[in-house]
Amino acid sequence: MSNPLDQTYTALAEATARVGEAKAPLFLATLALALLSRQTDANEALALITQAERLAAM
């Protein structure tokens, strides 16, 4: 049995594939906003945004 993080990554990959390449950015943005809205610490949320931006720029 895989661990919960592996299950989460798999679910994300499968859902992204189901929505299709054209709608993947909207899907991911919607998911990101939903997850950020659950953050209770604004500094942690900002750090995650900075981290994602750095990784995307590589």
C-alpha atoms as a PDB file:
ATOM      1  CA  MET A   1       0.000   0.000   0.000  1.00  0.00           C
ATOM      2  CA  SER A   2       1.366   3.413  -0.923  1.00  0.00           C
ATOM      3  CA  ASN A   3       1.688   6.246   1.543  1.00  0.00           C
ATOM      4  CA  PRO A   4      -0.829   9.121   1.673  1.00  0.00           C
ATOM      5  CA  LEU A   5       1.546  11.534  -0.076  1.00  0.00           C
ATOM      6  CA  ASP A   6       1.993   9.121  -2.986  1.00  0.00           C
ATOM      7  CA  GLN A   7      -1.774   8.704  -3.168  1.00  0.00           C
ATOM      8  CA  THR A   8      -2.181  12.477  -3.226  1.00  0.00           C
ATOM      9  CA  TYR A   9       0.377  12.933  -6.020  1.00  0.00           C
ATOM     10  CA  THR A  10      -1.304  10.185  -8.025  1.00  0.00           C
ATOM     11  CA  ALA A  11      -4.758  11.705  -7.531  1.00  0.00           C
ATOM     12  CA  LEU A  12      -3.442  15.111  -8.623  1.00  0.00           C
ATOM     13  CA  ALA A  13      -1.785  13.677 -11.727  1.00  0.00           C
ATOM     14  CA  GLU A  14      -4.884  11.718 -12.679  1.00  0.00           C
ATOM     15  CA  ALA A  15      -7.231  14.668 -12.134  1.00  0.00           C
ATOM     16  CA  THR A  16      -4.939  16.939 -14.164  1.00  0.00           C
ATOM     17  CA  ALA A  17      -4.969  14.414 -16.995  1.00  0.00           C
ATOM     18  CA  ARG A  18      -8.770  14.121 -16.853  1.00  0.00           C
ATOM     19  CA  VAL A  19      -9.341  17.872 -17.161  1.00  0.00           C
ATOM     20  CA  GLY A  20      -6.962  17.981 -20.104  1.00  0.00           C
ATOM     21  CA  GLU A  21      -4.033  20.128 -21.108  1.00  0.00           C
ATOM     22  CA  ALA A  22      -6.146  23.145 -22.067  1.00  0.00           C
ATOM     23  CA  LYS A  23      -7.875  23.356 -18.671  1.00  0.00           C
ATOM     24  CA  ALA A  24      -4.967  22.178 -16.495  1.00  0.00           C
ATOM     25  CA  PRO A  25      -3.821  25.744 -15.624  1.00  0.00           C
ATOM     26  CA  LEU A  26      -7.331  26.677 -14.453  1.00  0.00           C
ATOM     27  CA  PHE A  27      -7.637  23.438 -12.489  1.00  0.00           C
ATOM     28  CA  LEU A  28      -4.266  23.948 -10.796  1.00  0.00           C
ATOM     29  CA  ALA A  29      -4.971  27.615 -10.030  1.00  0.00           C
ATOM     30  CA  THR A  30      -8.334  26.712  -8.498  1.00  0.00           C
ATOM     31  CA  LEU A  31      -6.727  23.989  -6.416  1.00  0.00           C
ATOM     32  CA  ALA A  32      -3.908  26.309  -5.323  1.00  0.00           C
ATOM     33  CA  LEU A  33      -6.383  28.975  -4.176  1.00  0.00           C
ATOM     34  CA  ALA A  34      -8.433  26.388  -2.283  1.00  0.00           C
ATOM     35  CA  LEU A  35      -5.340  25.032  -0.533  1.00  0.00           C
ATOM     36  CA  LEU A  36      -3.981  28.497   0.270  1.00  0.00           C
ATOM     37  CA  SER A  37      -7.326  29.488   1.789  1.00  0.00           C
ATOM     38  CA  ARG A  38      -6.778  26.714   4.359  1.00  0.00           C
ATOM     39  CA  GLN A  39      -3.436  28.174   5.472  1.00  0.00           C
ATOM     40  CA  THR A  40      -3.708  29.901   8.831  1.00  0.00           C
ATOM     41  CA  ASP A  41      -0.256  31.463   8.600  1.00  0.00           C
ATOM     42  CA  ALA A  42       0.121  34.108   5.882  1.00  0.00           C
ATOM     43  CA  ASN A  43       3.918  33.970   6.096  1.00  0.00           C
ATOM     44  CA  GLU A  44       3.877  30.218   5.411  1.00  0.00           C
ATOM     45  CA  ALA A  45       1.545  30.770   2.453  1.00  0.00           C
ATOM     46  CA  LEU A  46       3.838  33.472   1.066  1.00  0.00           C
ATOM     47  CA  ALA A  47       6.850  31.179   1.484  1.00  0.00           C
ATOM     48  CA  LEU A  48       5.063  28.456  -0.479  1.00  0.00           C
ATOM     49  CA  ILE A  49       4.254  30.918  -3.260  1.00  0.00           C
ATOM     50  CA  THR A  50       7.890  32.031  -3.391  1.00  0.00           C
ATOM     51  CA  GLN A  51       9.076  28.424  -3.463  1.00  0.00           C
ATOM     52  CA  ALA A  52       6.720  27.512  -6.302  1.00  0.00           C
ATOM     53  CA  GLU A  53       7.774  30.559  -8.302  1.00  0.00           C
ATOM     54  CA  ARG A  54      11.456  29.687  -7.901  1.00  0.00           C
ATOM     55  CA  LEU A  55      10.879  26.109  -8.991  1.00  0.00           C
ATOM     56  CA  ALA A  56       8.846  27.209 -12.001  1.00  0.00           C
ATOM     57  CA  ALA A  57      11.608  29.569 -13.109  1.00  0.00           C
ATOM     58  CA  MET A  58      14.237  26.792 -13.278  1.00  0.00           C
END
